[in-house]
Amino acid sequence: MVCRTFSGRKLENVKVLAQKLSRNPGVVAILGIADACQIVLARSKDLQGNCGDAIKKVAAQLGGKGGGRPELAHAGGFPSDCLDTWMKALAQYFQL
């Protein structure tokens, strides 16, 4: 599991990084953009779980919005002080 927070990065750049990381087997990438209050979530094809569903589930609990596909999703619109809580909740969803 790769959990990392960035500042000053664009969402598209972080998505590309998440996709590159998840090309490796057994990888879940949870990448946050602190100054934009956004998260990108990606998983390897060999892993169970749905990134889009995980984002929607956490958004229902913590606020914000987002969605995506089973292997890649992103979220935003939540308060900046919730970024760590979001990342921990997504990590728990994909606990291996």
PDB file of N, CA and C in Angstrom:
ATOM      1  N   MET A   1       0.846  -1.167   0.000  1.00  0.00           N
ATOM      2  CA  MET A   1       0.000   0.000   0.000  1.00  0.00           C
ATOM      3  C   MET A   1       0.895   1.235   0.000  1.00  0.00           C
ATOM      4  N   VAL A   2       0.631   2.140  -0.918  1.00  0.00           N
ATOM      5  CA  VAL A   2       1.377   3.387  -1.029  1.00  0.00           C
ATOM      6  C   VAL A   2       0.440   4.521  -0.643  1.00  0.00           C
ATOM      7  N   CYS A   3       0.738   5.197   0.454  1.00  0.00           N
ATOM      8  CA  CYS A   3      -0.034   6.364   0.901  1.00  0.00           C
ATOM      9  C   CYS A   3       0.916   7.550   0.946  1.00  0.00           C
ATOM     10  N   ARG A   4       0.558   8.586   0.209  1.00  0.00           N
ATOM     11  CA  ARG A   4       1.434   9.755   0.125  1.00  0.00           C
ATOM     12  C   ARG A   4       0.585  10.994  -0.110  1.00  0.00           C
ATOM     13  N   THR A   5       0.972  12.094   0.499  1.00  0.00           N
ATOM     14  CA  THR A   5       0.290  13.369   0.317  1.00  0.00           C
ATOM     15  C   THR A   5       1.242  14.338  -0.377  1.00  0.00           C
ATOM     16  N   PHE A   6       0.703  15.065  -1.336  1.00  0.00           N
ATOM     17  CA  PHE A   6       1.474  16.044  -2.097  1.00  0.00           C
ATOM     18  C   PHE A   6       0.861  17.428  -1.940  1.00  0.00           C
ATOM     19  N   SER A   7       1.617  18.442  -2.251  1.00  0.00           N
ATOM     20  CA  SER A   7       1.128  19.817  -2.341  1.00  0.00           C
ATOM     21  C   SER A   7       1.592  20.378  -3.675  1.00  0.00           C
ATOM     22  N   GLY A   8       0.785  21.238  -4.234  1.00  0.00           N
ATOM     23  CA  GLY A   8       1.163  21.900  -5.474  1.00  0.00           C
ATOM     24  C   GLY A   8       1.151  21.008  -6.700  1.00  0.00           C
ATOM     25  N   ARG A   9       0.476  19.892  -6.644  1.00  0.00           N
ATOM     26  CA  ARG A   9       0.390  18.981  -7.793  1.00  0.00           C
ATOM     27  C   ARG A   9      -0.999  19.068  -8.413  1.00  0.00           C
ATOM     28  N   LYS A  10      -1.057  18.864  -9.700  1.00  0.00           N
ATOM     29  CA  LYS A  10      -2.334  18.844 -10.413  1.00  0.00           C
ATOM     30  C   LYS A  10      -2.929  17.447 -10.340  1.00  0.00           C
ATOM     31  N   LEU A  11      -4.255  17.387 -10.325  1.00  0.00           N
ATOM     32  CA  LEU A  11      -4.963  16.118 -10.221  1.00  0.00           C
ATOM     33  C   LEU A  11      -4.540  15.153 -11.319  1.00  0.00           C
ATOM     34  N   GLU A  12      -4.428  15.619 -12.540  1.00  0.00           N
ATOM     35  CA  GLU A  12      -4.064  14.734 -13.651  1.00  0.00           C
ATOM     36  C   GLU A  12      -2.674  14.115 -13.453  1.00  0.00           C
ATOM     37  N   ASN A  13      -1.739  14.885 -12.930  1.00  0.00           N
ATOM     38  CA  ASN A  13      -0.397  14.350 -12.684  1.00  0.00           C
ATOM     39  C   ASN A  13      -0.411  13.275 -11.601  1.00  0.00           C
ATOM     40  N   VAL A  14      -1.205  13.495 -10.581  1.00  0.00           N
ATOM     41  CA  VAL A  14      -1.300  12.513  -9.496  1.00  0.00           C
ATOM     42  C   VAL A  14      -2.005  11.252  -9.991  1.00  0.00           C
ATOM     43  N   LYS A  15      -2.992  11.403 -10.860  1.00  0.00           N
ATOM     44  CA  LYS A  15      -3.658  10.233 -11.453  1.00  0.00           C
ATOM     45  C   LYS A  15      -2.665   9.385 -12.255  1.00  0.00           C
ATOM     46  N   VAL A  16      -1.833  10.045 -13.033  1.00  0.00           N
ATOM     47  CA  VAL A  16      -0.832   9.320 -13.826  1.00  0.00           C
ATOM     48  C   VAL A  16       0.108   8.544 -12.898  1.00  0.00           C
ATOM     49  N   LEU A  17       0.547   9.167 -11.827  1.00  0.00           N
ATOM     50  CA  LEU A  17       1.419   8.490 -10.868  1.00  0.00           C
ATOM     51  C   LEU A  17       0.714   7.284 -10.254  1.00  0.00           C
ATOM     52  N   ALA A  18      -0.538   7.448  -9.858  1.00  0.00           N
ATOM     53  CA  ALA A  18      -1.303   6.343  -9.265  1.00  0.00           C
ATOM     54  C   ALA A  18      -1.439   5.186 -10.252  1.00  0.00           C
ATOM     55  N   GLN A  19      -1.695   5.500 -11.513  1.00  0.00           N
ATOM     56  CA  GLN A  19      -1.820   4.456 -12.529  1.00  0.00           C
ATOM     57  C   GLN A  19      -0.497   3.726 -12.730  1.00  0.00           C
ATOM     58  N   LYS A  20       0.604   4.451 -12.726  1.00  0.00           N
ATOM     59  CA  LYS A  20       1.913   3.811 -12.881  1.00  0.00           C
ATOM     60  C   LYS A  20       2.211   2.893 -11.702  1.00  0.00           C
ATOM     61  N   LEU A  21       1.916   3.344 -10.501  1.00  0.00           N
ATOM     62  CA  LEU A  21       2.147   2.519  -9.318  1.00  0.00           C
ATOM     63  C   LEU A  21       1.305   1.249  -9.351  1.00  0.00           C
ATOM     64  N   SER A  22       0.056   1.390  -9.775  1.00  0.00           N
ATOM     65  CA  SER A  22      -0.864   0.243  -9.735  1.00  0.00           C
ATOM     66  C   SER A  22      -0.649  -0.737 -10.889  1.00  0.00           C
ATOM     67  N   ARG A  23       0.284  -0.470 -11.767  1.00  0.00           N
ATOM     68  CA  ARG A  23       0.642  -1.447 -12.804  1.00  0.00           C
ATOM     69  C   ARG A  23       1.401  -2.623 -12.206  1.00  0.00           C
ATOM     70  N   ASN A  24       1.967  -2.411 -11.040  1.00  0.00           N
ATOM     71  CA  ASN A  24       2.671  -3.481 -10.334  1.00  0.00           C
ATOM     72  C   ASN A  24       1.667  -4.336  -9.574  1.00  0.00           C
ATOM     73  N   PRO A  25       1.888  -5.640  -9.492  1.00  0.00           N
ATOM     74  CA  PRO A  25       0.951  -6.492  -8.768  1.00  0.00           C
ATOM     75  C   PRO A  25       0.920  -6.176  -7.274  1.00  0.00           C
ATOM     76  N   GLY A  26      -0.265  -6.308  -6.704  1.00  0.00           N
ATOM     77  CA  GLY A  26      -0.433  -6.164  -5.266  1.00  0.00           C
ATOM     78  C   GLY A  26      -0.351  -4.752  -4.724  1.00  0.00           C
ATOM     79  N   VAL A  27      -0.577  -3.745  -5.548  1.00  0.00           N
ATOM     80  CA  VAL A  27      -0.420  -2.352  -5.111  1.00  0.00           C
ATOM     81  C   VAL A  27      -1.767  -1.642  -5.013  1.00  0.00           C
ATOM     82  N   VAL A  28      -1.950  -0.950  -3.895  1.00  0.00           N
ATOM     83  CA  VAL A  28      -3.029   0.026  -3.736  1.00  0.00           C
ATOM     84  C   VAL A  28      -2.337   1.366  -3.514  1.00  0.00           C
ATOM     85  N   ALA A  29      -2.697   2.367  -4.316  1.00  0.00           N
ATOM     86  CA  ALA A  29      -2.113   3.704  -4.197  1.00  0.00           C
ATOM     87  C   ALA A  29      -3.192   4.676  -3.731  1.00  0.00           C
ATOM     88  N   ILE A  30      -2.932   5.322  -2.611  1.00  0.00           N
ATOM     89  CA  ILE A  30      -3.824   6.346  -2.066  1.00  0.00           C
ATOM     90  C   ILE A  30      -3.003   7.627  -2.021  1.00  0.00           C
ATOM     91  N   LEU A  31      -3.263   8.512  -2.955  1.00  0.00           N
ATOM     92  CA  LEU A  31      -2.456   9.722  -3.114  1.00  0.00           C
ATOM     93  C   LEU A  31      -3.311  10.956  -2.874  1.00  0.00           C
ATOM     94  N   GLY A  32      -2.929  11.761  -1.901  1.00  0.00           N
ATOM     95  CA  GLY A  32      -3.676  12.963  -1.559  1.00  0.00           C
ATOM     96  C   GLY A  32      -3.006  14.213  -2.086  1.00  0.00           C
ATOM     97  N   ILE A  33      -3.818  15.203  -2.389  1.00  0.00           N
ATOM     98  CA  ILE A  33      -3.332  16.528  -2.782  1.00  0.00           C
ATOM     99  C   ILE A  33      -3.836  17.492  -1.713  1.00  0.00           C
ATOM    100  N   ALA A  34      -2.956  17.843  -0.782  1.00  0.00           N
ATOM    101  CA  ALA A  34      -3.352  18.576   0.420  1.00  0.00           C
ATOM    102  C   ALA A  34      -3.958  19.940   0.121  1.00  0.00           C
ATOM    103  N   ASP A  35      -3.316  20.734  -0.723  1.00  0.00           N
ATOM    104  CA  ASP A  35      -3.803  22.088  -0.959  1.00  0.00           C
ATOM    105  C   ASP A  35      -5.079  22.128  -1.803  1.00  0.00           C
ATOM    106  N   ALA A  36      -5.394  21.047  -2.502  1.00  0.00           N
ATOM    107  CA  ALA A  36      -6.617  20.995  -3.318  1.00  0.00           C
ATOM    108  C   ALA A  36      -7.703  20.143  -2.665  1.00  0.00           C
ATOM    109  N   CYS A  37      -7.379  19.502  -1.543  1.00  0.00           N
ATOM    110  CA  CYS A  37      -8.322  18.607  -0.851  1.00  0.00           C
ATOM    111  C   CYS A  37      -8.890  17.570  -1.815  1.00  0.00           C
ATOM    112  N   GLN A  38      -7.997  16.827  -2.449  1.00  0.00           N
ATOM    113  CA  GLN A  38      -8.386  15.782  -3.383  1.00  0.00           C
ATOM    114  C   GLN A  38      -7.601  14.517  -3.081  1.00  0.00           C
ATOM    115  N   ILE A  39      -8.184  13.380  -3.480  1.00  0.00           N
ATOM    116  CA  ILE A  39      -7.531  12.081  -3.309  1.00  0.00           C
ATOM    117  C   ILE A  39      -7.698  11.281  -4.590  1.00  0.00           C
ATOM    118  N   VAL A  40      -6.650  10.582  -4.962  1.00  0.00           N
ATOM    119  CA  VAL A  40      -6.688   9.628  -6.070  1.00  0.00           C
ATOM    120  C   VAL A  40      -6.447   8.247  -5.473  1.00  0.00           C
ATOM    121  N   LEU A  41      -7.246   7.291  -5.895  1.00  0.00           N
ATOM    122  CA  LEU A  41      -7.156   5.918  -5.409  1.00  0.00           C
ATOM    123  C   LEU A  41      -7.042   4.988  -6.606  1.00  0.00           C
ATOM    124  N   ALA A  42      -6.044   4.115  -6.586  1.00  0.00           N
ATOM    125  CA  ALA A  42      -5.868   3.144  -7.668  1.00  0.00           C
ATOM    126  C   ALA A  42      -5.449   1.813  -7.066  1.00  0.00           C
ATOM    127  N   ARG A  43      -5.817   0.732  -7.749  1.00  0.00           N
ATOM    128  CA  ARG A  43      -5.415  -0.598  -7.308  1.00  0.00           C
ATOM    129  C   ARG A  43      -4.963  -1.420  -8.493  1.00  0.00           C
ATOM    130  N   SER A  44      -4.113  -2.392  -8.215  1.00  0.00           N
ATOM    131  CA  SER A  44      -3.658  -3.316  -9.249  1.00  0.00           C
ATOM    132  C   SER A  44      -4.816  -4.195  -9.695  1.00  0.00           C
ATOM    133  N   LYS A  45      -4.740  -4.665 -10.932  1.00  0.00           N
ATOM    134  CA  LYS A  45      -5.798  -5.513 -11.475  1.00  0.00           C
ATOM    135  C   LYS A  45      -5.924  -6.833 -10.734  1.00  0.00           C
ATOM    136  N   ASP A  46      -4.853  -7.272 -10.086  1.00  0.00           N
ATOM    137  CA  ASP A  46      -4.888  -8.566  -9.400  1.00  0.00           C
ATOM    138  C   ASP A  46      -5.545  -8.502  -8.019  1.00  0.00           C
ATOM    139  N   LEU A  47      -5.924  -7.308  -7.560  1.00  0.00           N
ATOM    140  CA  LEU A  47      -6.520  -7.163  -6.237  1.00  0.00           C
ATOM    141  C   LEU A  47      -8.036  -7.048  -6.303  1.00  0.00           C
ATOM    142  N   GLN A  48      -8.680  -7.486  -5.241  1.00  0.00           N
ATOM    143  CA  GLN A  48     -10.122  -7.341  -5.085  1.00  0.00           C
ATOM    144  C   GLN A  48     -10.431  -5.917  -4.633  1.00  0.00           C
ATOM    145  N   GLY A  49     -11.686  -5.534  -4.761  1.00  0.00           N
ATOM    146  CA  GLY A  49     -12.127  -4.232  -4.290  1.00  0.00           C
ATOM    147  C   GLY A  49     -12.402  -3.297  -5.447  1.00  0.00           C
ATOM    148  N   ASN A  50     -13.218  -2.304  -5.175  1.00  0.00           N
ATOM    149  CA  ASN A  50     -13.659  -1.364  -6.192  1.00  0.00           C
ATOM    150  C   ASN A  50     -13.335   0.048  -5.718  1.00  0.00           C
ATOM    151  N   CYS A  51     -12.431   0.707  -6.405  1.00  0.00           N
ATOM    152  CA  CYS A  51     -12.022   2.059  -6.020  1.00  0.00           C
ATOM    153  C   CYS A  51     -13.198   3.039  -6.037  1.00  0.00           C
ATOM    154  N   GLY A  52     -14.022   2.967  -7.067  1.00  0.00           N
ATOM    155  CA  GLY A  52     -15.179   3.856  -7.162  1.00  0.00           C
ATOM    156  C   GLY A  52     -16.130   3.668  -6.001  1.00  0.00           C
ATOM    157  N   ASP A  53     -16.405   2.408  -5.647  1.00  0.00           N
ATOM    158  CA  ASP A  53     -17.285   2.127  -4.513  1.00  0.00           C
ATOM    159  C   ASP A  53     -16.658   2.588  -3.198  1.00  0.00           C
ATOM    160  N   ALA A  54     -15.348   2.399  -3.054  1.00  0.00           N
ATOM    161  CA  ALA A  54     -14.654   2.828  -1.841  1.00  0.00           C
ATOM    162  C   ALA A  54     -14.773   4.336  -1.658  1.00  0.00           C
ATOM    163  N   ILE A  55     -14.567   5.084  -2.723  1.00  0.00           N
ATOM    164  CA  ILE A  55     -14.680   6.547  -2.668  1.00  0.00           C
ATOM    165  C   ILE A  55     -16.097   6.958  -2.271  1.00  0.00           C
ATOM    166  N   LYS A  56     -17.095   6.351  -2.881  1.00  0.00           N
ATOM    167  CA  LYS A  56     -18.491   6.695  -2.561  1.00  0.00           C
ATOM    168  C   LYS A  56     -18.830   6.358  -1.116  1.00  0.00           C
ATOM    169  N   LYS A  57     -18.339   5.228  -0.624  1.00  0.00           N
ATOM    170  CA  LYS A  57     -18.601   4.817   0.757  1.00  0.00           C
ATOM    171  C   LYS A  57     -17.988   5.814   1.736  1.00  0.00           C
ATOM    172  N   VAL A  58     -16.739   6.188   1.516  1.00  0.00           N
ATOM    173  CA  VAL A  58     -16.071   7.122   2.417  1.00  0.00           C
ATOM    174  C   VAL A  58     -16.702   8.508   2.319  1.00  0.00           C
ATOM    175  N   ALA A  59     -17.100   8.918   1.126  1.00  0.00           N
ATOM    176  CA  ALA A  59     -17.764  10.221   0.962  1.00  0.00           C
ATOM    177  C   ALA A  59     -19.067  10.267   1.748  1.00  0.00           C
ATOM    178  N   ALA A  60     -19.809   9.166   1.762  1.00  0.00           N
ATOM    179  CA  ALA A  60     -21.060   9.117   2.517  1.00  0.00           C
ATOM    180  C   ALA A  60     -20.811   9.277   4.017  1.00  0.00           C
ATOM    181  N   GLN A  61     -19.667   8.803   4.487  1.00  0.00           N
ATOM    182  CA  GLN A  61     -19.331   8.887   5.906  1.00  0.00           C
ATOM    183  C   GLN A  61     -18.686  10.212   6.290  1.00  0.00           C
ATOM    184  N   LEU A  62     -17.796  10.728   5.421  1.00  0.00           N
ATOM    185  CA  LEU A  62     -16.958  11.866   5.799  1.00  0.00           C
ATOM    186  C   LEU A  62     -17.238  13.152   5.035  1.00  0.00           C
ATOM    187  N   GLY A  63     -18.147  13.110   4.086  1.00  0.00           N
ATOM    188  CA  GLY A  63     -18.412  14.290   3.268  1.00  0.00           C
ATOM    189  C   GLY A  63     -17.547  14.286   2.025  1.00  0.00           C
ATOM    190  N   GLY A  64     -17.848  15.179   1.136  1.00  0.00           N
ATOM    191  CA  GLY A  64     -17.138  15.234  -0.135  1.00  0.00           C
ATOM    192  C   GLY A  64     -17.891  14.455  -1.187  1.00  0.00           C
ATOM    193  N   LYS A  65     -17.270  14.326  -2.349  1.00  0.00           N
ATOM    194  CA  LYS A  65     -17.903  13.591  -3.436  1.00  0.00           C
ATOM    195  C   LYS A  65     -16.822  13.016  -4.326  1.00  0.00           C
ATOM    196  N   GLY A  66     -17.215  12.053  -5.112  1.00  0.00           N
ATOM    197  CA  GLY A  66     -16.269  11.445  -6.029  1.00  0.00           C
ATOM    198  C   GLY A  66     -16.783  10.127  -6.538  1.00  0.00           C
ATOM    199  N   GLY A  67     -15.950   9.453  -7.267  1.00  0.00           N
ATOM    200  CA  GLY A  67     -16.310   8.165  -7.839  1.00  0.00           C
ATOM    201  C   GLY A  67     -15.275   7.786  -8.875  1.00  0.00           C
ATOM    202  N   GLY A  68     -15.598   6.760  -9.611  1.00  0.00           N
ATOM    203  CA  GLY A  68     -14.682   6.312 -10.634  1.00  0.00           C
ATOM    204  C   GLY A  68     -14.918   4.863 -10.989  1.00  0.00           C
ATOM    205  N   ARG A  69     -13.897   4.255 -11.524  1.00  0.00           N
ATOM    206  CA  ARG A  69     -13.960   2.872 -11.982  1.00  0.00           C
ATOM    207  C   ARG A  69     -13.422   1.933 -10.898  1.00  0.00           C
ATOM    208  N   PRO A  70     -13.566   0.637 -11.104  1.00  0.00           N
ATOM    209  CA  PRO A  70     -13.053  -0.308 -10.107  1.00  0.00           C
ATOM    210  C   PRO A  70     -11.552  -0.176  -9.840  1.00  0.00           C
ATOM    211  N   GLU A  71     -10.776   0.227 -10.842  1.00  0.00           N
ATOM    212  CA  GLU A  71      -9.326   0.277 -10.666  1.00  0.00           C
ATOM    213  C   GLU A  71      -8.766   1.683 -10.477  1.00  0.00           C
ATOM    214  N   LEU A  72      -9.597   2.727 -10.635  1.00  0.00           N
ATOM    215  CA  LEU A  72      -9.125   4.102 -10.476  1.00  0.00           C
ATOM    216  C   LEU A  72     -10.302   5.011 -10.148  1.00  0.00           C
ATOM    217  N   ALA A  73     -10.130   5.841  -9.126  1.00  0.00           N
ATOM    218  CA  ALA A  73     -11.187   6.777  -8.734  1.00  0.00           C
ATOM    219  C   ALA A  73     -10.537   7.983  -8.064  1.00  0.00           C
ATOM    220  N   HIS A  74     -11.320   9.052  -7.922  1.00  0.00           N
ATOM    221  CA  HIS A  74     -10.816  10.206  -7.193  1.00  0.00           C
ATOM    222  C   HIS A  74     -11.960  10.899  -6.462  1.00  0.00           C
ATOM    223  N   ALA A  75     -11.592  11.712  -5.474  1.00  0.00           N
ATOM    224  CA  ALA A  75     -12.574  12.412  -4.644  1.00  0.00           C
ATOM    225  C   ALA A  75     -12.077  13.813  -4.346  1.00  0.00           C
ATOM    226  N   GLY A  76     -13.017  14.663  -3.964  1.00  0.00           N
ATOM    227  CA  GLY A  76     -12.704  16.025  -3.563  1.00  0.00           C
ATOM    228  C   GLY A  76     -13.901  16.638  -2.868  1.00  0.00           C
ATOM    229  N   GLY A  77     -13.787  17.907  -2.567  1.00  0.00           N
ATOM    230  CA  GLY A  77     -14.909  18.616  -1.963  1.00  0.00           C
ATOM    231  C   GLY A  77     -15.095  18.353  -0.478  1.00  0.00           C
ATOM    232  N   PHE A  78     -14.068  17.868   0.179  1.00  0.00           N
ATOM    233  CA  PHE A  78     -14.168  17.646   1.620  1.00  0.00           C
ATOM    234  C   PHE A  78     -13.265  18.658   2.331  1.00  0.00           C
ATOM    235  N   PRO A  79     -13.513  18.911   3.612  1.00  0.00           N
ATOM    236  CA  PRO A  79     -12.672  19.876   4.344  1.00  0.00           C
ATOM    237  C   PRO A  79     -11.216  19.416   4.417  1.00  0.00           C
ATOM    238  N   SER A  80     -10.300  20.364   4.387  1.00  0.00           N
ATOM    239  CA  SER A  80      -8.869  20.038   4.361  1.00  0.00           C
ATOM    240  C   SER A  80      -8.427  19.259   5.593  1.00  0.00           C
ATOM    241  N   ASP A  81      -9.089  19.459   6.713  1.00  0.00           N
ATOM    242  CA  ASP A  81      -8.688  18.731   7.919  1.00  0.00           C
ATOM    243  C   ASP A  81      -9.148  17.271   7.906  1.00  0.00           C
ATOM    244  N   CYS A  82      -9.851  16.860   6.861  1.00  0.00           N
ATOM    245  CA  CYS A  82     -10.316  15.474   6.734  1.00  0.00           C
ATOM    246  C   CYS A  82      -9.427  14.619   5.830  1.00  0.00           C
ATOM    247  N   LEU A  83      -8.390  15.186   5.246  1.00  0.00           N
ATOM    248  CA  LEU A  83      -7.569  14.444   4.292  1.00  0.00           C
ATOM    249  C   LEU A  83      -6.969  13.178   4.915  1.00  0.00           C
ATOM    250  N   ASP A  84      -6.377  13.293   6.082  1.00  0.00           N
ATOM    251  CA  ASP A  84      -5.789  12.112   6.730  1.00  0.00           C
ATOM    252  C   ASP A  84      -6.846  11.077   7.067  1.00  0.00           C
ATOM    253  N   THR A  85      -7.998  11.530   7.536  1.00  0.00           N
ATOM    254  CA  THR A  85      -9.094  10.613   7.870  1.00  0.00           C
ATOM    255  C   THR A  85      -9.576   9.891   6.626  1.00  0.00           C
ATOM    256  N   TRP A  86      -9.683  10.608   5.514  1.00  0.00           N
ATOM    257  CA  TRP A  86     -10.057  10.005   4.234  1.00  0.00           C
ATOM    258  C   TRP A  86      -9.050   8.923   3.850  1.00  0.00           C
ATOM    259  N   MET A  87      -7.783   9.249   3.933  1.00  0.00           N
ATOM    260  CA  MET A  87      -6.748   8.306   3.516  1.00  0.00           C
ATOM    261  C   MET A  87      -6.760   7.051   4.388  1.00  0.00           C
ATOM    262  N   LYS A  88      -6.944   7.214   5.685  1.00  0.00           N
ATOM    263  CA  LYS A  88      -7.017   6.066   6.589  1.00  0.00           C
ATOM    264  C   LYS A  88      -8.242   5.206   6.293  1.00  0.00           C
ATOM    265  N   ALA A  89      -9.373   5.846   6.010  1.00  0.00           N
ATOM    266  CA  ALA A  89     -10.595   5.084   5.697  1.00  0.00           C
ATOM    267  C   ALA A  89     -10.441   4.287   4.409  1.00  0.00           C
ATOM    268  N   LEU A  90      -9.804   4.872   3.412  1.00  0.00           N
ATOM    269  CA  LEU A  90      -9.571   4.136   2.150  1.00  0.00           C
ATOM    270  C   LEU A  90      -8.587   2.990   2.352  1.00  0.00           C
ATOM    271  N   ALA A  91      -7.560   3.223   3.161  1.00  0.00           N
ATOM    272  CA  ALA A  91      -6.610   2.143   3.460  1.00  0.00           C
ATOM    273  C   ALA A  91      -7.308   0.994   4.172  1.00  0.00           C
ATOM    274  N   GLN A  92      -8.207   1.318   5.078  1.00  0.00           N
ATOM    275  CA  GLN A  92      -8.946   0.279   5.799  1.00  0.00           C
ATOM    276  C   GLN A  92      -9.832  -0.517   4.832  1.00  0.00           C
ATOM    277  N   TYR A  93     -10.439   0.168   3.869  1.00  0.00           N
ATOM    278  CA  TYR A  93     -11.285  -0.506   2.869  1.00  0.00           C
ATOM    279  C   TYR A  93     -10.470  -1.573   2.116  1.00  0.00           C
ATOM    280  N   PHE A  94      -9.245  -1.263   1.813  1.00  0.00           N
ATOM    281  CA  PHE A  94      -8.395  -2.171   1.023  1.00  0.00           C
ATOM    282  C   PHE A  94      -7.438  -2.980   1.895  1.00  0.00           C
ATOM    283  N   GLN A  95      -7.720  -3.080   3.187  1.00  0.00           N
ATOM    284  CA  GLN A  95      -6.841  -3.849   4.071  1.00  0.00           C
ATOM    285  C   GLN A  95      -6.642  -5.241   3.518  1.00  0.00           C
ATOM    286  N   LEU A  96      -5.413  -5.606   3.268  1.00  0.00           N
ATOM    287  CA  LEU A  96      -5.107  -6.896   2.653  1.00  0.00           C
ATOM    288  C   LEU A  96      -4.752  -7.941   3.686  1.00  0.00           C
TER     289      LEU A  96
END
